[in-house]
Amino acid sequence: MAIDLAALEQAIKAAIPVTHLEIEDQSSGCGENYAVLIVSEAFVGKTTLARHRMINELLKDQIAQMHAFSQKTYTPAQYAQLTKS
């Protein structure tokens, strides 16, 4: 069963405070391969592994229905550095 992009967005936003969120369906619209970029204060003080485990846990039901899932997780300060011109 394919995962709806709006449902994925809602699940993320309901679980953690999100400053910025990008969700890309990389499966040409069939909903089986998603890449997400999440910026949240919830990641402050956590390692990348801890952040990914947190997201994997909160989206475990959705991820189980996907073929592939990738994520990038940043604190607001890290994201600000990345997007600096």
PDB file of N, CA and C in Angstrom:
ATOM      1  N   MET A   1       0.837  -1.183   0.000  1.00  0.00           N
ATOM      2  CA  MET A   1       0.000   0.000   0.000  1.00  0.00           C
ATOM      3  C   MET A   1       0.882   1.246   0.000  1.00  0.00           C
ATOM      4  N   ALA A   2       0.588   2.159  -0.875  1.00  0.00           N
ATOM      5  CA  ALA A   2       1.376   3.375  -1.010  1.00  0.00           C
ATOM      6  C   ALA A   2       1.094   4.338   0.138  1.00  0.00           C
ATOM      7  N   ILE A   3       2.100   5.097   0.495  1.00  0.00           N
ATOM      8  CA  ILE A   3       1.985   6.102   1.544  1.00  0.00           C
ATOM      9  C   ILE A   3       1.682   7.454   0.900  1.00  0.00           C
ATOM     10  N   ASP A   4       0.704   8.145   1.436  1.00  0.00           N
ATOM     11  CA  ASP A   4       0.315   9.458   0.948  1.00  0.00           C
ATOM     12  C   ASP A   4       1.255  10.511   1.529  1.00  0.00           C
ATOM     13  N   LEU A   5       1.724  11.420   0.703  1.00  0.00           N
ATOM     14  CA  LEU A   5       2.647  12.470   1.130  1.00  0.00           C
ATOM     15  C   LEU A   5       2.034  13.320   2.247  1.00  0.00           C
ATOM     16  N   ALA A   6       0.771  13.664   2.133  1.00  0.00           N
ATOM     17  CA  ALA A   6       0.109  14.484   3.155  1.00  0.00           C
ATOM     18  C   ALA A   6       0.034  13.746   4.492  1.00  0.00           C
ATOM     19  N   ALA A   7      -0.212  12.451   4.458  1.00  0.00           N
ATOM     20  CA  ALA A   7      -0.269  11.659   5.690  1.00  0.00           C
ATOM     21  C   ALA A   7       1.103  11.582   6.351  1.00  0.00           C
ATOM     22  N   LEU A   8       2.141  11.468   5.546  1.00  0.00           N
ATOM     23  CA  LEU A   8       3.514  11.437   6.061  1.00  0.00           C
ATOM     24  C   LEU A   8       3.854  12.780   6.717  1.00  0.00           C
ATOM     25  N   GLU A   9       3.498  13.861   6.055  1.00  0.00           N
ATOM     26  CA  GLU A   9       3.735  15.200   6.601  1.00  0.00           C
ATOM     27  C   GLU A   9       2.987  15.381   7.916  1.00  0.00           C
ATOM     28  N   GLN A  10       1.747  14.970   7.967  1.00  0.00           N
ATOM     29  CA  GLN A  10       0.937  15.101   9.174  1.00  0.00           C
ATOM     30  C   GLN A  10       1.529  14.300  10.332  1.00  0.00           C
ATOM     31  N   ALA A  11       2.007  13.095  10.053  1.00  0.00           N
ATOM     32  CA  ALA A  11       2.593  12.252  11.102  1.00  0.00           C
ATOM     33  C   ALA A  11       3.836  12.893  11.698  1.00  0.00           C
ATOM     34  N   ILE A  12       4.663  13.483  10.853  1.00  0.00           N
ATOM     35  CA  ILE A  12       5.886  14.131  11.329  1.00  0.00           C
ATOM     36  C   ILE A  12       5.542  15.359  12.167  1.00  0.00           C
ATOM     37  N   LYS A  13       4.673  16.201  11.637  1.00  0.00           N
ATOM     38  CA  LYS A  13       4.325  17.451  12.332  1.00  0.00           C
ATOM     39  C   LYS A  13       3.567  17.200  13.634  1.00  0.00           C
ATOM     40  N   ALA A  14       2.852  16.103  13.724  1.00  0.00           N
ATOM     41  CA  ALA A  14       2.121  15.782  14.951  1.00  0.00           C
ATOM     42  C   ALA A  14       3.058  15.274  16.046  1.00  0.00           C
ATOM     43  N   ALA A  15       4.201  14.725  15.660  1.00  0.00           N
ATOM     44  CA  ALA A  15       5.106  14.100  16.618  1.00  0.00           C
ATOM     45  C   ALA A  15       6.175  15.031  17.174  1.00  0.00           C
ATOM     46  N   ILE A  16       6.669  15.952  16.351  1.00  0.00           N
ATOM     47  CA  ILE A  16       7.745  16.850  16.789  1.00  0.00           C
ATOM     48  C   ILE A  16       7.496  18.260  16.272  1.00  0.00           C
ATOM     49  N   PRO A  17       8.061  19.271  16.955  1.00  0.00           N
ATOM     50  CA  PRO A  17       7.936  20.645  16.443  1.00  0.00           C
ATOM     51  C   PRO A  17       8.849  20.813  15.231  1.00  0.00           C
ATOM     52  N   VAL A  18       8.275  21.178  14.116  1.00  0.00           N
ATOM     53  CA  VAL A  18       9.023  21.272  12.865  1.00  0.00           C
ATOM     54  C   VAL A  18       9.178  22.729  12.460  1.00  0.00           C
ATOM     55  N   THR A  19      10.436  23.122  12.207  1.00  0.00           N
ATOM     56  CA  THR A  19      10.734  24.459  11.715  1.00  0.00           C
ATOM     57  C   THR A  19      10.676  24.497  10.194  1.00  0.00           C
ATOM     58  N   HIS A  20      11.155  23.428   9.567  1.00  0.00           N
ATOM     59  CA  HIS A  20      11.175  23.318   8.108  1.00  0.00           C
ATOM     60  C   HIS A  20      11.032  21.842   7.755  1.00  0.00           C
ATOM     61  N   LEU A  21      10.263  21.550   6.718  1.00  0.00           N
ATOM     62  CA  LEU A  21      10.051  20.172   6.302  1.00  0.00           C
ATOM     63  C   LEU A  21       9.965  20.103   4.790  1.00  0.00           C
ATOM     64  N   GLU A  22      10.745  19.207   4.218  1.00  0.00           N
ATOM     65  CA  GLU A  22      10.665  18.922   2.781  1.00  0.00           C
ATOM     66  C   GLU A  22      10.463  17.421   2.641  1.00  0.00           C
ATOM     67  N   ILE A  23       9.469  17.038   1.864  1.00  0.00           N
ATOM     68  CA  ILE A  23       9.209  15.631   1.604  1.00  0.00           C
ATOM     69  C   ILE A  23       9.179  15.450   0.096  1.00  0.00           C
ATOM     70  N   GLU A  24       9.982  14.533  -0.388  1.00  0.00           N
ATOM     71  CA  GLU A  24      10.048  14.281  -1.825  1.00  0.00           C
ATOM     72  C   GLU A  24       9.696  12.829  -2.115  1.00  0.00           C
ATOM     73  N   ASP A  25       8.680  12.646  -2.935  1.00  0.00           N
ATOM     74  CA  ASP A  25       8.323  11.313  -3.409  1.00  0.00           C
ATOM     75  C   ASP A  25       9.262  11.002  -4.569  1.00  0.00           C
ATOM     76  N   GLN A  26      10.213  10.123  -4.340  1.00  0.00           N
ATOM     77  CA  GLN A  26      11.215   9.796  -5.352  1.00  0.00           C
ATOM     78  C   GLN A  26      10.808   8.590  -6.194  1.00  0.00           C
ATOM     79  N   SER A  27       9.534   8.202  -6.095  1.00  0.00           N
ATOM     80  CA  SER A  27       9.059   7.028  -6.819  1.00  0.00           C
ATOM     81  C   SER A  27       8.088   7.405  -7.932  1.00  0.00           C
ATOM     82  N   SER A  28       8.229   8.607  -8.450  1.00  0.00           N
ATOM     83  CA  SER A  28       7.376   9.081  -9.549  1.00  0.00           C
ATOM     84  C   SER A  28       5.897   9.054  -9.200  1.00  0.00           C
ATOM     85  N   GLY A  29       5.578   9.349  -7.952  1.00  0.00           N
ATOM     86  CA  GLY A  29       4.193   9.460  -7.544  1.00  0.00           C
ATOM     87  C   GLY A  29       3.530   8.212  -7.009  1.00  0.00           C
ATOM     88  N   CYS A  30       4.239   7.101  -6.949  1.00  0.00           N
ATOM     89  CA  CYS A  30       3.579   5.881  -6.467  1.00  0.00           C
ATOM     90  C   CYS A  30       3.654   5.729  -4.947  1.00  0.00           C
ATOM     91  N   GLY A  31       4.397   6.586  -4.260  1.00  0.00           N
ATOM     92  CA  GLY A  31       4.400   6.603  -2.803  1.00  0.00           C
ATOM     93  C   GLY A  31       5.161   5.482  -2.129  1.00  0.00           C
ATOM     94  N   GLU A  32       6.165   4.950  -2.797  1.00  0.00           N
ATOM     95  CA  GLU A  32       6.939   3.855  -2.211  1.00  0.00           C
ATOM     96  C   GLU A  32       8.373   4.222  -1.869  1.00  0.00           C
ATOM     97  N   ASN A  33       8.792   5.442  -2.202  1.00  0.00           N
ATOM     98  CA  ASN A  33      10.169   5.852  -1.966  1.00  0.00           C
ATOM     99  C   ASN A  33      10.175   7.338  -1.615  1.00  0.00           C
ATOM    100  N   TYR A  34      10.462   7.651  -0.357  1.00  0.00           N
ATOM    101  CA  TYR A  34      10.448   9.042   0.092  1.00  0.00           C
ATOM    102  C   TYR A  34      11.798   9.457   0.648  1.00  0.00           C
ATOM    103  N   ALA A  35      12.106  10.735   0.420  1.00  0.00           N
ATOM    104  CA  ALA A  35      13.259  11.382   1.045  1.00  0.00           C
ATOM    105  C   ALA A  35      12.709  12.571   1.821  1.00  0.00           C
ATOM    106  N   VAL A  36      13.128  12.705   3.075  1.00  0.00           N
ATOM    107  CA  VAL A  36      12.654  13.823   3.891  1.00  0.00           C
ATOM    108  C   VAL A  36      13.833  14.627   4.426  1.00  0.00           C
ATOM    109  N   LEU A  37      13.603  15.906   4.565  1.00  0.00           N
ATOM    110  CA  LEU A  37      14.538  16.805   5.225  1.00  0.00           C
ATOM    111  C   LEU A  37      13.723  17.462   6.341  1.00  0.00           C
ATOM    112  N   ILE A  38      14.169  17.261   7.571  1.00  0.00           N
ATOM    113  CA  ILE A  38      13.432  17.755   8.726  1.00  0.00           C
ATOM    114  C   ILE A  38      14.340  18.657   9.557  1.00  0.00           C
ATOM    115  N   VAL A  39      13.833  19.847   9.871  1.00  0.00           N
ATOM    116  CA  VAL A  39      14.537  20.776  10.752  1.00  0.00           C
ATOM    117  C   VAL A  39      13.664  20.942  11.995  1.00  0.00           C
ATOM    118  N   SER A  40      14.252  20.655  13.157  1.00  0.00           N
ATOM    119  CA  SER A  40      13.477  20.717  14.391  1.00  0.00           C
ATOM    120  C   SER A  40      14.356  20.998  15.605  1.00  0.00           C
ATOM    121  N   GLU A  41      13.785  21.727  16.549  1.00  0.00           N
ATOM    122  CA  GLU A  41      14.437  21.958  17.844  1.00  0.00           C
ATOM    123  C   GLU A  41      14.588  20.645  18.609  1.00  0.00           C
ATOM    124  N   ALA A  42      13.760  19.654  18.283  1.00  0.00           N
ATOM    125  CA  ALA A  42      13.810  18.358  18.967  1.00  0.00           C
ATOM    126  C   ALA A  42      15.147  17.648  18.742  1.00  0.00           C
ATOM    127  N   PHE A  43      15.902  18.066  17.748  1.00  0.00           N
ATOM    128  CA  PHE A  43      17.182  17.424  17.436  1.00  0.00           C
ATOM    129  C   PHE A  43      18.376  18.029  18.172  1.00  0.00           C
ATOM    130  N   VAL A  44      18.158  19.146  18.854  1.00  0.00           N
ATOM    131  CA  VAL A  44      19.248  19.811  19.571  1.00  0.00           C
ATOM    132  C   VAL A  44      19.824  18.861  20.623  1.00  0.00           C
ATOM    133  N   GLY A  45      21.145  18.698  20.597  1.00  0.00           N
ATOM    134  CA  GLY A  45      21.829  17.854  21.572  1.00  0.00           C
ATOM    135  C   GLY A  45      21.831  16.372  21.230  1.00  0.00           C
ATOM    136  N   LYS A  46      21.250  16.007  20.102  1.00  0.00           N
ATOM    137  CA  LYS A  46      21.204  14.597  19.707  1.00  0.00           C
ATOM    138  C   LYS A  46      22.164  14.336  18.548  1.00  0.00           C
ATOM    139  N   THR A  47      22.749  13.158  18.530  1.00  0.00           N
ATOM    140  CA  THR A  47      23.607  12.770  17.414  1.00  0.00           C
ATOM    141  C   THR A  47      22.741  12.492  16.194  1.00  0.00           C
ATOM    142  N   THR A  48      23.361  12.428  15.038  1.00  0.00           N
ATOM    143  CA  THR A  48      22.628  12.100  13.811  1.00  0.00           C
ATOM    144  C   THR A  48      21.946  10.744  13.952  1.00  0.00           C
ATOM    145  N   LEU A  49      22.651   9.777  14.518  1.00  0.00           N
ATOM    146  CA  LEU A  49      22.067   8.443  14.700  1.00  0.00           C
ATOM    147  C   LEU A  49      20.832   8.504  15.594  1.00  0.00           C
ATOM    148  N   ALA A  50      20.903   9.247  16.687  1.00  0.00           N
ATOM    149  CA  ALA A  50      19.766   9.374  17.593  1.00  0.00           C
ATOM    150  C   ALA A  50      18.587  10.053  16.904  1.00  0.00           C
ATOM    151  N   ARG A  51      18.867  11.041  16.078  1.00  0.00           N
ATOM    152  CA  ARG A  51      17.804  11.730  15.334  1.00  0.00           C
ATOM    153  C   ARG A  51      17.123  10.770  14.365  1.00  0.00           C
ATOM    154  N   HIS A  52      17.929  10.014  13.639  1.00  0.00           N
ATOM    155  CA  HIS A  52      17.377   9.073  12.661  1.00  0.00           C
ATOM    156  C   HIS A  52      16.572   7.976  13.349  1.00  0.00           C
ATOM    157  N   ARG A  53      17.062   7.515  14.477  1.00  0.00           N
ATOM    158  CA  ARG A  53      16.303   6.507  15.226  1.00  0.00           C
ATOM    159  C   ARG A  53      14.967   7.076  15.695  1.00  0.00           C
ATOM    160  N   MET A  54      14.967   8.330  16.117  1.00  0.00           N
ATOM    161  CA  MET A  54      13.738   8.987  16.557  1.00  0.00           C
ATOM    162  C   MET A  54      12.715   9.031  15.411  1.00  0.00           C
ATOM    163  N   ILE A  55      13.160   9.459  14.245  1.00  0.00           N
ATOM    164  CA  ILE A  55      12.262   9.546  13.086  1.00  0.00           C
ATOM    165  C   ILE A  55      11.818   8.156  12.648  1.00  0.00           C
ATOM    166  N   ASN A  56      12.745   7.206  12.626  1.00  0.00           N
ATOM    167  CA  ASN A  56      12.381   5.835  12.251  1.00  0.00           C
ATOM    168  C   ASN A  56      11.317   5.270  13.190  1.00  0.00           C
ATOM    169  N   GLU A  57      11.429   5.566  14.473  1.00  0.00           N
ATOM    170  CA  GLU A  57      10.459   5.071  15.443  1.00  0.00           C
ATOM    171  C   GLU A  57       9.091   5.722  15.250  1.00  0.00           C
ATOM    172  N   LEU A  58       9.075   7.039  15.059  1.00  0.00           N
ATOM    173  CA  LEU A  58       7.781   7.700  14.936  1.00  0.00           C
ATOM    174  C   LEU A  58       7.097   7.421  13.604  1.00  0.00           C
ATOM    175  N   LEU A  59       7.861   7.014  12.591  1.00  0.00           N
ATOM    176  CA  LEU A  59       7.274   6.689  11.283  1.00  0.00           C
ATOM    177  C   LEU A  59       7.351   5.197  10.967  1.00  0.00           C
ATOM    178  N   LYS A  60       7.518   4.359  11.983  1.00  0.00           N
ATOM    179  CA  LYS A  60       7.754   2.935  11.714  1.00  0.00           C
ATOM    180  C   LYS A  60       6.626   2.275  10.923  1.00  0.00           C
ATOM    181  N   ASP A  61       5.385   2.651  11.169  1.00  0.00           N
ATOM    182  CA  ASP A  61       4.277   2.050  10.413  1.00  0.00           C
ATOM    183  C   ASP A  61       4.316   2.464   8.942  1.00  0.00           C
ATOM    184  N   GLN A  62       4.610   3.733   8.691  1.00  0.00           N
ATOM    185  CA  GLN A  62       4.688   4.222   7.313  1.00  0.00           C
ATOM    186  C   GLN A  62       5.902   3.640   6.584  1.00  0.00           C
ATOM    187  N   ILE A  63       7.052   3.625   7.267  1.00  0.00           N
ATOM    188  CA  ILE A  63       8.282   3.119   6.646  1.00  0.00           C
ATOM    189  C   ILE A  63       8.144   1.646   6.287  1.00  0.00           C
ATOM    190  N   ALA A  64       7.419   0.896   7.102  1.00  0.00           N
ATOM    191  CA  ALA A  64       7.222  -0.537   6.831  1.00  0.00           C
ATOM    192  C   ALA A  64       6.486  -0.769   5.516  1.00  0.00           C
ATOM    193  N   GLN A  65       5.755   0.227   5.053  1.00  0.00           N
ATOM    194  CA  GLN A  65       4.996   0.090   3.806  1.00  0.00           C
ATOM    195  C   GLN A  65       5.745   0.648   2.596  1.00  0.00           C
ATOM    196  N   MET A  66       6.928   1.184   2.814  1.00  0.00           N
ATOM    197  CA  MET A  66       7.711   1.788   1.730  1.00  0.00           C
ATOM    198  C   MET A  66       8.779   0.834   1.219  1.00  0.00           C
ATOM    199  N   HIS A  67       9.212   1.105   0.005  1.00  0.00           N
ATOM    200  CA  HIS A  67      10.339   0.375  -0.555  1.00  0.00           C
ATOM    201  C   HIS A  67      11.649   0.999  -0.064  1.00  0.00           C
ATOM    202  N   ALA A  68      11.673   2.343   0.026  1.00  0.00           N
ATOM    203  CA  ALA A  68      12.887   3.040   0.460  1.00  0.00           C
ATOM    204  C   ALA A  68      12.519   4.335   1.179  1.00  0.00           C
ATOM    205  N   PHE A  69      13.358   4.702   2.165  1.00  0.00           N
ATOM    206  CA  PHE A  69      13.150   5.919   2.942  1.00  0.00           C
ATOM    207  C   PHE A  69      14.506   6.483   3.310  1.00  0.00           C
ATOM    208  N   SER A  70      14.725   7.766   3.010  1.00  0.00           N
ATOM    209  CA  SER A  70      15.971   8.413   3.424  1.00  0.00           C
ATOM    210  C   SER A  70      15.619   9.710   4.138  1.00  0.00           C
ATOM    211  N   GLN A  71      16.509  10.103   5.034  1.00  0.00           N
ATOM    212  CA  GLN A  71      16.235  11.298   5.820  1.00  0.00           C
ATOM    213  C   GLN A  71      17.481  12.111   6.090  1.00  0.00           C
ATOM    214  N   LYS A  72      17.261  13.409   6.181  1.00  0.00           N
ATOM    215  CA  LYS A  72      18.279  14.345   6.635  1.00  0.00           C
ATOM    216  C   LYS A  72      17.630  15.119   7.764  1.00  0.00           C
ATOM    217  N   THR A  73      18.321  15.191   8.891  1.00  0.00           N
ATOM    218  CA  THR A  73      17.764  15.843  10.073  1.00  0.00           C
ATOM    219  C   THR A  73      18.737  16.901  10.580  1.00  0.00           C
ATOM    220  N   TYR A  74      18.218  18.099  10.808  1.00  0.00           N
ATOM    221  CA  TYR A  74      19.052  19.218  11.241  1.00  0.00           C
ATOM    222  C   TYR A  74      18.375  19.997  12.361  1.00  0.00           C
ATOM    223  N   THR A  75      19.196  20.620  13.197  1.00  0.00           N
ATOM    224  CA  THR A  75      18.679  21.602  14.133  1.00  0.00           C
ATOM    225  C   THR A  75      18.470  22.890  13.332  1.00  0.00           C
ATOM    226  N   PRO A  76      17.687  23.828  13.845  1.00  0.00           N
ATOM    227  CA  PRO A  76      17.528  25.102  13.130  1.00  0.00           C
ATOM    228  C   PRO A  76      18.867  25.825  12.880  1.00  0.00           C
ATOM    229  N   ALA A  77      19.781  25.763  13.850  1.00  0.00           N
ATOM    230  CA  ALA A  77      21.089  26.412  13.674  1.00  0.00           C
ATOM    231  C   ALA A  77      21.897  25.743  12.565  1.00  0.00           C
ATOM    232  N   GLN A  78      21.877  24.419  12.524  1.00  0.00           N
ATOM    233  CA  GLN A  78      22.591  23.700  11.467  1.00  0.00           C
ATOM    234  C   GLN A  78      22.009  24.018  10.090  1.00  0.00           C
ATOM    235  N   TYR A  79      20.688  24.064  10.016  1.00  0.00           N
ATOM    236  CA  TYR A  79      20.040  24.348   8.736  1.00  0.00           C
ATOM    237  C   TYR A  79      20.337  25.776   8.279  1.00  0.00           C
ATOM    238  N   ALA A  80      20.369  26.704   9.223  1.00  0.00           N
ATOM    239  CA  ALA A  80      20.694  28.090   8.893  1.00  0.00           C
ATOM    240  C   ALA A  80      22.103  28.184   8.303  1.00  0.00           C
ATOM    241  N   GLN A  81      23.040  27.427   8.869  1.00  0.00           N
ATOM    242  CA  GLN A  81      24.416  27.390   8.337  1.00  0.00           C
ATOM    243  C   GLN A  81      24.444  26.804   6.921  1.00  0.00           C
ATOM    244  N   LEU A  82      23.677  25.751   6.702  1.00  0.00           N
ATOM    245  CA  LEU A  82      23.634  25.100   5.399  1.00  0.00           C
ATOM    246  C   LEU A  82      23.060  25.996   4.315  1.00  0.00           C
ATOM    247  N   THR A  83      22.073  26.778   4.666  1.00  0.00           N
ATOM    248  CA  THR A  83      21.373  27.595   3.670  1.00  0.00           C
ATOM    249  C   THR A  83      21.917  29.007   3.562  1.00  0.00           C
ATOM    250  N   LYS A  84      22.975  29.289   4.306  1.00  0.00           N
ATOM    251  CA  LYS A  84      23.600  30.618   4.261  1.00  0.00           C
ATOM    252  C   LYS A  84      24.189  30.858   2.873  1.00  0.00           C
ATOM    253  N   SER A  85      23.979  32.031   2.342  1.00  0.00           N
ATOM    254  CA  SER A  85      24.524  32.363   1.012  1.00  0.00           C
ATOM    255  C   SER A  85      25.904  32.948   1.117  1.00  0.00           C
TER     256      SER A  85
END
